[in-house]
């Protein structure tokens, strides 16, 4: 996975982030009288997070910085402003989706972890798509809407999750492994975006952030995973260590890889980690969540690969 810069929006967990505008939207569960509604109510009572299968565009797309749904350009034909599109769950598949989320997401964490770090809302969807502009031709220059289905998407105070639809019935083992990787990566991104991934003092002390680094190799040598060209800082780095663990197997992290490579592959191998600082910081992050929450983030990356 390429370590692209995560640009996310800050909000705190639970009630402080509950509104999608200046007015409280008044989310209520249950939203129906189905057998799975009891599961949704119990989840809210336990963790304070809404599992919503009925929601408005504002509930998921709105942020203080603007709407984040994909939209066609008003100036260039065929061009699309990047974003995402979410379609509400098919009620016939919600029970199966809840079981999928439990087996691929929630089971990896303790109640303490989920209580502290889950977002305000989880949107149950039959489709979640990343939307972008794709190039069609040179003569004439033509663009079109590009769509890629994704397992999950984080935006502000909510996470949209896919597969409350017929596709869930044909998921194979490899599909479920990929789902584990994506949904837990998005969960970690949401923690980073809501400023809930905080570096410890000993983690920050390993690296000198007052120096300007000019290559991946130089940054890796100092234990920096966050892109060196985008003003790395301790909290941002802490988040990237989390992302590495939940998305990449321990075997892959230890595989020798060139120090010009921008992925997480090989970050624990001496080819990239020439001074051992990445491994030192990796152990600090991993052990922090094991000690304080009884959660091994690396176990997630191992299960996803």
C-alpha atoms as a PDB file:
ATOM      1  CA  UNK A   1       0.000   0.000   0.000  1.00  0.00           C
ATOM      2  CA  UNK A   2       1.372   3.402  -0.982  1.00  0.00           C
ATOM      3  CA  UNK A   3       1.729   5.702   1.999  1.00  0.00           C
ATOM      4  CA  UNK A   4      -0.320   8.563   0.604  1.00  0.00           C
ATOM      5  CA  UNK A   5      -0.978  11.579   2.772  1.00  0.00           C
ATOM      6  CA  UNK A   6      -4.125  11.245   4.830  1.00  0.00           C
ATOM      7  CA  UNK A   7      -6.019  14.543   4.835  1.00  0.00           C
ATOM      8  CA  UNK A   8      -8.886  14.201   7.258  1.00  0.00           C
ATOM      9  CA  UNK A   9     -11.210  16.370   9.307  1.00  0.00           C
ATOM     10  CA  UNK A  10     -11.068  16.792  13.040  1.00  0.00           C
ATOM     11  CA  UNK A  11     -13.911  16.108  15.402  1.00  0.00           C
ATOM     12  CA  UNK A  12     -14.182  14.443  18.756  1.00  0.00           C
ATOM     13  CA  UNK A  13     -16.028  11.214  19.458  1.00  0.00           C
ATOM     14  CA  UNK A  14     -19.674  10.980  20.381  1.00  0.00           C
ATOM     15  CA  UNK A  15     -22.007  13.804  21.240  1.00  0.00           C
ATOM     16  CA  UNK A  16     -19.624  16.668  20.499  1.00  0.00           C
ATOM     17  CA  UNK A  17     -19.533  15.500  16.896  1.00  0.00           C
ATOM     18  CA  UNK A  18     -23.129  14.351  16.657  1.00  0.00           C
ATOM     19  CA  UNK A  19     -24.503  17.198  14.582  1.00  0.00           C
ATOM     20  CA  UNK A  20     -24.113  17.483  10.838  1.00  0.00           C
ATOM     21  CA  UNK A  21     -25.095  21.150  10.963  1.00  0.00           C
ATOM     22  CA  UNK A  22     -25.774  23.816  13.548  1.00  0.00           C
ATOM     23  CA  UNK A  23     -28.863  21.871  14.624  1.00  0.00           C
ATOM     24  CA  UNK A  24     -28.921  18.484  16.305  1.00  0.00           C
ATOM     25  CA  UNK A  25     -30.162  15.935  13.778  1.00  0.00           C
ATOM     26  CA  UNK A  26     -31.740  13.804  16.488  1.00  0.00           C
ATOM     27  CA  UNK A  27     -30.466  10.360  15.489  1.00  0.00           C
ATOM     28  CA  UNK A  28     -32.590   7.654  17.083  1.00  0.00           C
ATOM     29  CA  UNK A  29     -32.307   3.889  17.221  1.00  0.00           C
ATOM     30  CA  UNK A  30     -34.105   1.655  16.563  1.00  0.00           C
ATOM     31  CA  UNK A  31     -34.971   2.849  13.076  1.00  0.00           C
ATOM     32  CA  UNK A  32     -37.400   0.003  12.525  1.00  0.00           C
ATOM     33  CA  UNK A  33     -38.916  -3.141  14.028  1.00  0.00           C
ATOM     34  CA  UNK A  34     -36.700  -5.747  12.384  1.00  0.00           C
ATOM     35  CA  UNK A  35     -34.933  -8.519  14.270  1.00  0.00           C
ATOM     36  CA  UNK A  36     -31.548  -6.848  13.661  1.00  0.00           C
ATOM     37  CA  UNK A  37     -32.714  -3.597  15.254  1.00  0.00           C
ATOM     38  CA  UNK A  38     -32.162  -5.116  18.699  1.00  0.00           C
ATOM     39  CA  UNK A  39     -28.505  -5.699  17.767  1.00  0.00           C
ATOM     40  CA  UNK A  40     -28.212  -2.072  16.650  1.00  0.00           C
ATOM     41  CA  UNK A  41     -29.798  -0.756  19.860  1.00  0.00           C
ATOM     42  CA  UNK A  42     -27.550  -2.933  22.014  1.00  0.00           C
ATOM     43  CA  UNK A  43     -24.524  -1.672  20.102  1.00  0.00           C
ATOM     44  CA  UNK A  44     -25.529   1.949  20.730  1.00  0.00           C
ATOM     45  CA  UNK A  45     -26.200   1.305  24.430  1.00  0.00           C
ATOM     46  CA  UNK A  46     -22.784  -0.324  24.773  1.00  0.00           C
ATOM     47  CA  UNK A  47     -20.608   1.986  22.694  1.00  0.00           C
ATOM     48  CA  UNK A  48     -22.601   5.158  22.043  1.00  0.00           C
ATOM     49  CA  UNK A  49     -22.254   4.737  18.272  1.00  0.00           C
ATOM     50  CA  UNK A  50     -25.185   4.767  15.865  1.00  0.00           C
ATOM     51  CA  UNK A  51     -25.415   2.015  13.254  1.00  0.00           C
ATOM     52  CA  UNK A  52     -27.680   3.731  10.721  1.00  0.00           C
ATOM     53  CA  UNK A  53     -29.376   2.156   7.728  1.00  0.00           C
ATOM     54  CA  UNK A  54     -31.638   5.156   7.205  1.00  0.00           C
ATOM     55  CA  UNK A  55     -29.687   8.393   6.697  1.00  0.00           C
ATOM     56  CA  UNK A  56     -29.667  11.558   4.614  1.00  0.00           C
ATOM     57  CA  UNK A  57     -26.981  12.926   2.314  1.00  0.00           C
ATOM     58  CA  UNK A  58     -26.126  15.515   4.957  1.00  0.00           C
ATOM     59  CA  UNK A  59     -25.641  12.809   7.577  1.00  0.00           C
ATOM     60  CA  UNK A  60     -22.696  11.306   5.717  1.00  0.00           C
ATOM     61  CA  UNK A  61     -21.403  13.874   3.180  1.00  0.00           C
ATOM     62  CA  UNK A  62     -21.398  17.114   5.162  1.00  0.00           C
ATOM     63  CA  UNK A  63     -18.317  18.482   6.955  1.00  0.00           C
ATOM     64  CA  UNK A  64     -17.416  21.947   8.278  1.00  0.00           C
ATOM     65  CA  UNK A  65     -15.132  22.272   5.243  1.00  0.00           C
ATOM     66  CA  UNK A  66     -17.907  21.479   2.788  1.00  0.00           C
ATOM     67  CA  UNK A  67     -19.697  18.528   1.232  1.00  0.00           C
ATOM     68  CA  UNK A  68     -17.494  15.548   0.375  1.00  0.00           C
ATOM     69  CA  UNK A  69     -19.684  13.612  -2.016  1.00  0.00           C
ATOM     70  CA  UNK A  70     -18.425  13.333  -5.579  1.00  0.00           C
ATOM     71  CA  UNK A  71     -19.838  15.918  -7.988  1.00  0.00           C
ATOM     72  CA  UNK A  72     -19.484  16.724 -11.698  1.00  0.00           C
ATOM     73  CA  UNK A  73     -17.354  19.715 -12.631  1.00  0.00           C
ATOM     74  CA  UNK A  74     -19.220  22.847 -13.631  1.00  0.00           C
ATOM     75  CA  UNK A  75     -16.394  23.956 -15.939  1.00  0.00           C
ATOM     76  CA  UNK A  76     -14.963  20.837 -17.631  1.00  0.00           C
ATOM     77  CA  UNK A  77     -17.194  18.353 -19.437  1.00  0.00           C
ATOM     78  CA  UNK A  78     -16.908  14.830 -18.099  1.00  0.00           C
ATOM     79  CA  UNK A  79     -14.644  15.894 -15.242  1.00  0.00           C
ATOM     80  CA  UNK A  80     -15.612  14.894 -11.697  1.00  0.00           C
ATOM     81  CA  UNK A  81     -14.591  16.423  -8.395  1.00  0.00           C
ATOM     82  CA  UNK A  82     -13.282  13.449  -6.376  1.00  0.00           C
ATOM     83  CA  UNK A  83     -15.210  12.122  -3.435  1.00  0.00           C
ATOM     84  CA  UNK A  84     -17.463   9.217  -2.634  1.00  0.00           C
ATOM     85  CA  UNK A  85     -20.997   7.963  -3.089  1.00  0.00           C
ATOM     86  CA  UNK A  86     -22.894   5.851  -0.589  1.00  0.00           C
ATOM     87  CA  UNK A  87     -26.134   3.936  -1.115  1.00  0.00           C
ATOM     88  CA  UNK A  88     -28.256   2.932   1.851  1.00  0.00           C
ATOM     89  CA  UNK A  89     -28.361  -0.713   2.940  1.00  0.00           C
ATOM     90  CA  UNK A  90     -30.712  -3.246   1.424  1.00  0.00           C
ATOM     91  CA  UNK A  91     -32.804  -4.249   4.461  1.00  0.00           C
ATOM     92  CA  UNK A  92     -32.687  -7.908   3.417  1.00  0.00           C
ATOM     93  CA  UNK A  93     -28.913  -7.967   4.006  1.00  0.00           C
ATOM     94  CA  UNK A  94     -28.446  -5.828   7.099  1.00  0.00           C
ATOM     95  CA  UNK A  95     -28.363  -8.789   9.484  1.00  0.00           C
ATOM     96  CA  UNK A  96     -25.632 -10.416   7.395  1.00  0.00           C
ATOM     97  CA  UNK A  97     -23.697  -7.155   7.194  1.00  0.00           C
ATOM     98  CA  UNK A  98     -23.767  -6.749  10.976  1.00  0.00           C
ATOM     99  CA  UNK A  99     -22.317 -10.253  11.313  1.00  0.00           C
ATOM    100  CA  UNK A 100     -19.654  -9.366   8.733  1.00  0.00           C
ATOM    101  CA  UNK A 101     -18.692  -6.222  10.632  1.00  0.00           C
ATOM    102  CA  UNK A 102     -18.423  -8.185  13.852  1.00  0.00           C
ATOM    103  CA  UNK A 103     -16.140 -10.802  12.296  1.00  0.00           C
ATOM    104  CA  UNK A 104     -13.950  -8.413  10.277  1.00  0.00           C
ATOM    105  CA  UNK A 105     -13.877  -5.276  12.435  1.00  0.00           C
ATOM    106  CA  UNK A 106     -15.259  -5.221  15.960  1.00  0.00           C
ATOM    107  CA  UNK A 107     -13.842  -8.566  17.113  1.00  0.00           C
ATOM    108  CA  UNK A 108     -10.280  -7.276  16.880  1.00  0.00           C
ATOM    109  CA  UNK A 109     -10.834  -4.691  19.626  1.00  0.00           C
ATOM    110  CA  UNK A 110     -11.755  -4.650  23.274  1.00  0.00           C
ATOM    111  CA  UNK A 111     -14.816  -2.830  24.570  1.00  0.00           C
ATOM    112  CA  UNK A 112     -12.552  -0.185  26.084  1.00  0.00           C
ATOM    113  CA  UNK A 113     -10.970   0.526  22.705  1.00  0.00           C
ATOM    114  CA  UNK A 114     -14.285   0.672  20.864  1.00  0.00           C
ATOM    115  CA  UNK A 115     -15.852   2.929  23.479  1.00  0.00           C
ATOM    116  CA  UNK A 116     -13.032   5.406  23.133  1.00  0.00           C
ATOM    117  CA  UNK A 117     -12.366   5.350  19.406  1.00  0.00           C
ATOM    118  CA  UNK A 118     -15.478   4.443  17.411  1.00  0.00           C
ATOM    119  CA  UNK A 119     -16.958   7.350  15.423  1.00  0.00           C
ATOM    120  CA  UNK A 120     -20.370   8.803  16.152  1.00  0.00           C
ATOM    121  CA  UNK A 121     -22.046   7.116  13.186  1.00  0.00           C
ATOM    122  CA  UNK A 122     -21.507   4.005  11.090  1.00  0.00           C
ATOM    123  CA  UNK A 123     -23.565   4.073   7.894  1.00  0.00           C
ATOM    124  CA  UNK A 124     -24.770   0.670   6.727  1.00  0.00           C
ATOM    125  CA  UNK A 125     -24.584   0.705   2.918  1.00  0.00           C
ATOM    126  CA  UNK A 126     -25.317  -1.554  -0.038  1.00  0.00           C
ATOM    127  CA  UNK A 127     -22.674   0.303  -2.054  1.00  0.00           C
ATOM    128  CA  UNK A 128     -19.766   2.623  -1.253  1.00  0.00           C
ATOM    129  CA  UNK A 129     -17.848   3.973  -4.225  1.00  0.00           C
ATOM    130  CA  UNK A 130     -14.739   6.081  -4.622  1.00  0.00           C
ATOM    131  CA  UNK A 131     -15.414   8.486  -7.503  1.00  0.00           C
ATOM    132  CA  UNK A 132     -12.725  10.070  -9.643  1.00  0.00           C
ATOM    133  CA  UNK A 133     -12.124  11.392 -13.157  1.00  0.00           C
ATOM    134  CA  UNK A 134     -10.854   8.910 -15.728  1.00  0.00           C
ATOM    135  CA  UNK A 135      -9.186   9.874 -18.980  1.00  0.00           C
ATOM    136  CA  UNK A 136     -11.005   8.517 -22.035  1.00  0.00           C
ATOM    137  CA  UNK A 137      -9.232   9.826 -25.149  1.00  0.00           C
ATOM    138  CA  UNK A 138      -6.755  12.352 -26.548  1.00  0.00           C
ATOM    139  CA  UNK A 139      -8.603  13.353 -29.691  1.00  0.00           C
ATOM    140  CA  UNK A 140     -10.721  14.967 -28.627  1.00  0.00           C
ATOM    141  CA  UNK A 141      -9.594  15.144 -24.979  1.00  0.00           C
ATOM    142  CA  UNK A 142     -12.380  13.408 -23.145  1.00  0.00           C
ATOM    143  CA  UNK A 143     -13.005  12.651 -19.502  1.00  0.00           C
ATOM    144  CA  UNK A 144     -15.594  10.502 -17.786  1.00  0.00           C
ATOM    145  CA  UNK A 145     -16.717   9.509 -14.326  1.00  0.00           C
ATOM    146  CA  UNK A 146     -14.647   6.734 -12.790  1.00  0.00           C
ATOM    147  CA  UNK A 147     -16.089   4.572 -10.024  1.00  0.00           C
ATOM    148  CA  UNK A 148     -14.332   2.066  -7.778  1.00  0.00           C
ATOM    149  CA  UNK A 149     -16.192   0.053  -5.157  1.00  0.00           C
ATOM    150  CA  UNK A 150     -14.565   0.197  -1.707  1.00  0.00           C
ATOM    151  CA  UNK A 151     -15.269  -1.622   1.535  1.00  0.00           C
ATOM    152  CA  UNK A 152     -15.469   1.556   3.619  1.00  0.00           C
ATOM    153  CA  UNK A 153     -15.011   5.323   3.584  1.00  0.00           C
ATOM    154  CA  UNK A 154     -14.319   7.775   6.408  1.00  0.00           C
ATOM    155  CA  UNK A 155     -15.708  11.299   6.433  1.00  0.00           C
ATOM    156  CA  UNK A 156     -15.723  13.670   9.430  1.00  0.00           C
ATOM    157  CA  UNK A 157     -17.890  11.957  12.082  1.00  0.00           C
ATOM    158  CA  UNK A 158     -18.920   8.804  10.256  1.00  0.00           C
ATOM    159  CA  UNK A 159     -17.713   5.685   8.474  1.00  0.00           C
ATOM    160  CA  UNK A 160     -19.687   4.219   5.569  1.00  0.00           C
ATOM    161  CA  UNK A 161     -19.395   0.438   5.274  1.00  0.00           C
ATOM    162  CA  UNK A 162     -20.232  -1.586   2.178  1.00  0.00           C
ATOM    163  CA  UNK A 163     -21.806  -5.005   1.539  1.00  0.00           C
ATOM    164  CA  UNK A 164     -25.363  -4.759   2.834  1.00  0.00           C
ATOM    165  CA  UNK A 165     -26.446  -6.204  -0.484  1.00  0.00           C
ATOM    166  CA  UNK A 166     -26.373  -9.401  -2.602  1.00  0.00           C
ATOM    167  CA  UNK A 167     -22.577  -9.296  -3.009  1.00  0.00           C
ATOM    168  CA  UNK A 168     -22.190 -10.368   0.607  1.00  0.00           C
ATOM    169  CA  UNK A 169     -23.459 -13.831  -0.328  1.00  0.00           C
ATOM    170  CA  UNK A 170     -20.596 -14.412  -2.769  1.00  0.00           C
ATOM    171  CA  UNK A 171     -17.725 -13.160  -0.596  1.00  0.00           C
ATOM    172  CA  UNK A 172     -14.880 -15.651  -0.557  1.00  0.00           C
ATOM    173  CA  UNK A 173     -12.076 -15.969   1.998  1.00  0.00           C
ATOM    174  CA  UNK A 174      -9.851 -13.616   0.003  1.00  0.00           C
ATOM    175  CA  UNK A 175     -12.662 -11.048  -0.170  1.00  0.00           C
ATOM    176  CA  UNK A 176     -13.131 -11.164   3.581  1.00  0.00           C
ATOM    177  CA  UNK A 177      -9.401 -10.770   4.162  1.00  0.00           C
ATOM    178  CA  UNK A 178      -9.394  -7.700   1.918  1.00  0.00           C
ATOM    179  CA  UNK A 179     -12.421  -6.381   3.800  1.00  0.00           C
ATOM    180  CA  UNK A 180     -10.558  -6.763   7.100  1.00  0.00           C
ATOM    181  CA  UNK A 181      -7.660  -4.739   5.740  1.00  0.00           C
ATOM    182  CA  UNK A 182      -9.774  -1.950   4.313  1.00  0.00           C
ATOM    183  CA  UNK A 183     -12.344  -1.442   7.052  1.00  0.00           C
ATOM    184  CA  UNK A 184      -9.711  -1.425   9.802  1.00  0.00           C
ATOM    185  CA  UNK A 185      -7.494   0.912   7.779  1.00  0.00           C
ATOM    186  CA  UNK A 186     -10.446   3.296   7.480  1.00  0.00           C
ATOM    187  CA  UNK A 187     -11.147   2.977  11.205  1.00  0.00           C
ATOM    188  CA  UNK A 188      -7.530   3.925  11.955  1.00  0.00           C
ATOM    189  CA  UNK A 189      -7.761   6.830   9.503  1.00  0.00           C
ATOM    190  CA  UNK A 190     -10.860   8.052  11.315  1.00  0.00           C
ATOM    191  CA  UNK A 191      -8.975   7.991  14.617  1.00  0.00           C
ATOM    192  CA  UNK A 192      -6.210  10.059  13.041  1.00  0.00           C
ATOM    193  CA  UNK A 193      -8.678  12.467  11.486  1.00  0.00           C
ATOM    194  CA  UNK A 194     -10.486  12.993  14.777  1.00  0.00           C
ATOM    195  CA  UNK A 195      -7.175  13.699  16.541  1.00  0.00           C
ATOM    196  CA  UNK A 196      -7.399  10.526  18.615  1.00  0.00           C
ATOM    197  CA  UNK A 197      -4.009   9.127  17.583  1.00  0.00           C
ATOM    198  CA  UNK A 198      -1.533  10.824  19.904  1.00  0.00           C
ATOM    199  CA  UNK A 199       2.183  10.168  20.060  1.00  0.00           C
ATOM    200  CA  UNK A 200       3.722   9.371  23.426  1.00  0.00           C
ATOM    201  CA  UNK A 201       6.714  11.332  24.689  1.00  0.00           C
ATOM    202  CA  UNK A 202       9.131   8.439  24.209  1.00  0.00           C
ATOM    203  CA  UNK A 203       7.911   7.919  20.639  1.00  0.00           C
ATOM    204  CA  UNK A 204       8.420  11.595  19.776  1.00  0.00           C
ATOM    205  CA  UNK A 205      11.875  11.635  21.382  1.00  0.00           C
ATOM    206  CA  UNK A 206      13.289   9.086  18.915  1.00  0.00           C
ATOM    207  CA  UNK A 207      13.182  11.513  15.975  1.00  0.00           C
ATOM    208  CA  UNK A 208      14.336  15.068  15.327  1.00  0.00           C
ATOM    209  CA  UNK A 209      11.505  16.858  13.492  1.00  0.00           C
ATOM    210  CA  UNK A 210      13.341  20.167  13.292  1.00  0.00           C
ATOM    211  CA  UNK A 211      15.436  18.811  10.406  1.00  0.00           C
ATOM    212  CA  UNK A 212      14.240  18.977   6.792  1.00  0.00           C
ATOM    213  CA  UNK A 213      14.469  15.545   5.183  1.00  0.00           C
ATOM    214  CA  UNK A 214      14.806  15.320   1.416  1.00  0.00           C
ATOM    215  CA  UNK A 215      14.284  11.625   0.633  1.00  0.00           C
ATOM    216  CA  UNK A 216      12.464   8.547   1.846  1.00  0.00           C
ATOM    217  CA  UNK A 217      15.820   7.004   2.731  1.00  0.00           C
ATOM    218  CA  UNK A 218      16.763   9.906   5.003  1.00  0.00           C
ATOM    219  CA  UNK A 219      13.340   9.895   6.656  1.00  0.00           C
ATOM    220  CA  UNK A 220      13.353   6.126   7.206  1.00  0.00           C
ATOM    221  CA  UNK A 221      16.788   6.383   8.815  1.00  0.00           C
ATOM    222  CA  UNK A 222      15.237   8.629  11.463  1.00  0.00           C
ATOM    223  CA  UNK A 223      12.143   6.473  11.973  1.00  0.00           C
ATOM    224  CA  UNK A 224       9.772   8.660   9.952  1.00  0.00           C
ATOM    225  CA  UNK A 225       6.973   6.971   7.974  1.00  0.00           C
ATOM    226  CA  UNK A 226       4.845  10.022   7.254  1.00  0.00           C
ATOM    227  CA  UNK A 227       5.790  11.515   3.850  1.00  0.00           C
ATOM    228  CA  UNK A 228       8.982  13.513   4.361  1.00  0.00           C
ATOM    229  CA  UNK A 229       7.842  16.227   1.923  1.00  0.00           C
ATOM    230  CA  UNK A 230       4.650  17.032   3.827  1.00  0.00           C
ATOM    231  CA  UNK A 231       5.880  18.381   7.186  1.00  0.00           C
ATOM    232  CA  UNK A 232       6.014  15.217   9.294  1.00  0.00           C
ATOM    233  CA  UNK A 233       5.269  15.471  13.005  1.00  0.00           C
ATOM    234  CA  UNK A 234       5.105  13.006  15.888  1.00  0.00           C
ATOM    235  CA  UNK A 235       1.297  12.604  15.960  1.00  0.00           C
ATOM    236  CA  UNK A 236       1.164  12.159  12.184  1.00  0.00           C
ATOM    237  CA  UNK A 237       3.904   9.551  12.346  1.00  0.00           C
ATOM    238  CA  UNK A 238       2.141   7.712  15.162  1.00  0.00           C
ATOM    239  CA  UNK A 239      -0.894   7.450  12.924  1.00  0.00           C
ATOM    240  CA  UNK A 240       1.148   6.046  10.044  1.00  0.00           C
ATOM    241  CA  UNK A 241       2.578   3.343  12.293  1.00  0.00           C
ATOM    242  CA  UNK A 242      -1.007   2.394  13.154  1.00  0.00           C
ATOM    243  CA  UNK A 243      -1.930   2.276   9.473  1.00  0.00           C
ATOM    244  CA  UNK A 244       1.074   0.093   8.721  1.00  0.00           C
ATOM    245  CA  UNK A 245       0.096  -2.447  11.370  1.00  0.00           C
ATOM    246  CA  UNK A 246      -3.583  -2.798  10.503  1.00  0.00           C
ATOM    247  CA  UNK A 247      -3.003  -3.053   6.753  1.00  0.00           C
ATOM    248  CA  UNK A 248       0.228  -5.032   6.347  1.00  0.00           C
ATOM    249  CA  UNK A 249       1.379  -8.425   7.595  1.00  0.00           C
ATOM    250  CA  UNK A 250       4.354  -8.720   9.902  1.00  0.00           C
ATOM    251  CA  UNK A 251       6.043 -10.872   7.271  1.00  0.00           C
ATOM    252  CA  UNK A 252       5.684  -8.133   4.680  1.00  0.00           C
ATOM    253  CA  UNK A 253       6.919  -5.471   7.102  1.00  0.00           C
ATOM    254  CA  UNK A 254      10.093  -7.528   7.567  1.00  0.00           C
ATOM    255  CA  UNK A 255      10.716  -8.179   3.856  1.00  0.00           C
ATOM    256  CA  UNK A 256      13.792  -6.456   2.455  1.00  0.00           C
ATOM    257  CA  UNK A 257      12.676  -3.542   0.278  1.00  0.00           C
ATOM    258  CA  UNK A 258      14.545  -0.624  -1.286  1.00  0.00           C
ATOM    259  CA  UNK A 259      14.657   2.508   0.850  1.00  0.00           C
ATOM    260  CA  UNK A 260      13.280   4.499  -2.070  1.00  0.00           C
ATOM    261  CA  UNK A 261      10.008   2.573  -1.845  1.00  0.00           C
ATOM    262  CA  UNK A 262       7.029   4.545  -0.502  1.00  0.00           C
ATOM    263  CA  UNK A 263       4.979   1.617   0.813  1.00  0.00           C
ATOM    264  CA  UNK A 264       4.971  -0.011   4.234  1.00  0.00           C
ATOM    265  CA  UNK A 265       6.702  -3.084   2.824  1.00  0.00           C
ATOM    266  CA  UNK A 266      10.049  -3.672   4.495  1.00  0.00           C
ATOM    267  CA  UNK A 267       9.875  -0.908   7.086  1.00  0.00           C
ATOM    268  CA  UNK A 268      11.150  -3.305   9.778  1.00  0.00           C
ATOM    269  CA  UNK A 269      13.966  -4.648   7.622  1.00  0.00           C
ATOM    270  CA  UNK A 270      17.449  -3.132   7.860  1.00  0.00           C
ATOM    271  CA  UNK A 271      17.346  -2.140   4.181  1.00  0.00           C
ATOM    272  CA  UNK A 272      14.907   0.621   5.070  1.00  0.00           C
ATOM    273  CA  UNK A 273      15.431   0.727   8.822  1.00  0.00           C
ATOM    274  CA  UNK A 274      19.189   1.287   8.749  1.00  0.00           C
ATOM    275  CA  UNK A 275      19.370   2.697  12.291  1.00  0.00           C
ATOM    276  CA  UNK A 276      16.705   0.544  13.916  1.00  0.00           C
ATOM    277  CA  UNK A 277      14.576   3.588  14.716  1.00  0.00           C
ATOM    278  CA  UNK A 278      11.526   2.363  12.820  1.00  0.00           C
ATOM    279  CA  UNK A 279      11.502  -0.883  14.786  1.00  0.00           C
ATOM    280  CA  UNK A 280      11.940   1.017  18.051  1.00  0.00           C
ATOM    281  CA  UNK A 281       8.980   3.262  17.263  1.00  0.00           C
ATOM    282  CA  UNK A 282       6.922   0.364  15.879  1.00  0.00           C
ATOM    283  CA  UNK A 283       7.343  -1.488  19.169  1.00  0.00           C
ATOM    284  CA  UNK A 284       6.364   1.607  21.150  1.00  0.00           C
ATOM    285  CA  UNK A 285       3.115   2.017  19.218  1.00  0.00           C
ATOM    286  CA  UNK A 286       2.238  -1.673  19.175  1.00  0.00           C
ATOM    287  CA  UNK A 287       2.956  -2.153  22.874  1.00  0.00           C
ATOM    288  CA  UNK A 288       1.053   1.021  23.814  1.00  0.00           C
ATOM    289  CA  UNK A 289      -2.235  -0.407  22.539  1.00  0.00           C
ATOM    290  CA  UNK A 290      -1.496  -3.864  23.922  1.00  0.00           C
ATOM    291  CA  UNK A 291      -0.719  -2.470  27.372  1.00  0.00           C
ATOM    292  CA  UNK A 292      -3.477   0.127  27.583  1.00  0.00           C
ATOM    293  CA  UNK A 293      -6.283  -1.532  25.597  1.00  0.00           C
ATOM    294  CA  UNK A 294      -5.310  -5.201  25.244  1.00  0.00           C
ATOM    295  CA  UNK A 295      -5.416  -4.715  21.463  1.00  0.00           C
ATOM    296  CA  UNK A 296      -2.681  -5.913  19.109  1.00  0.00           C
ATOM    297  CA  UNK A 297      -2.996  -3.808  15.961  1.00  0.00           C
ATOM    298  CA  UNK A 298      -0.520  -6.037  14.132  1.00  0.00           C
ATOM    299  CA  UNK A 299      -2.840  -9.004  14.557  1.00  0.00           C
ATOM    300  CA  UNK A 300      -5.249  -7.166  12.247  1.00  0.00           C
ATOM    301  CA  UNK A 301      -2.688  -6.723   9.490  1.00  0.00           C
ATOM    302  CA  UNK A 302      -1.713 -10.364   9.834  1.00  0.00           C
ATOM    303  CA  UNK A 303      -5.357 -11.457   9.515  1.00  0.00           C
ATOM    304  CA  UNK A 304      -5.883  -9.275   6.447  1.00  0.00           C
ATOM    305  CA  UNK A 305      -3.022 -10.806   4.457  1.00  0.00           C
END
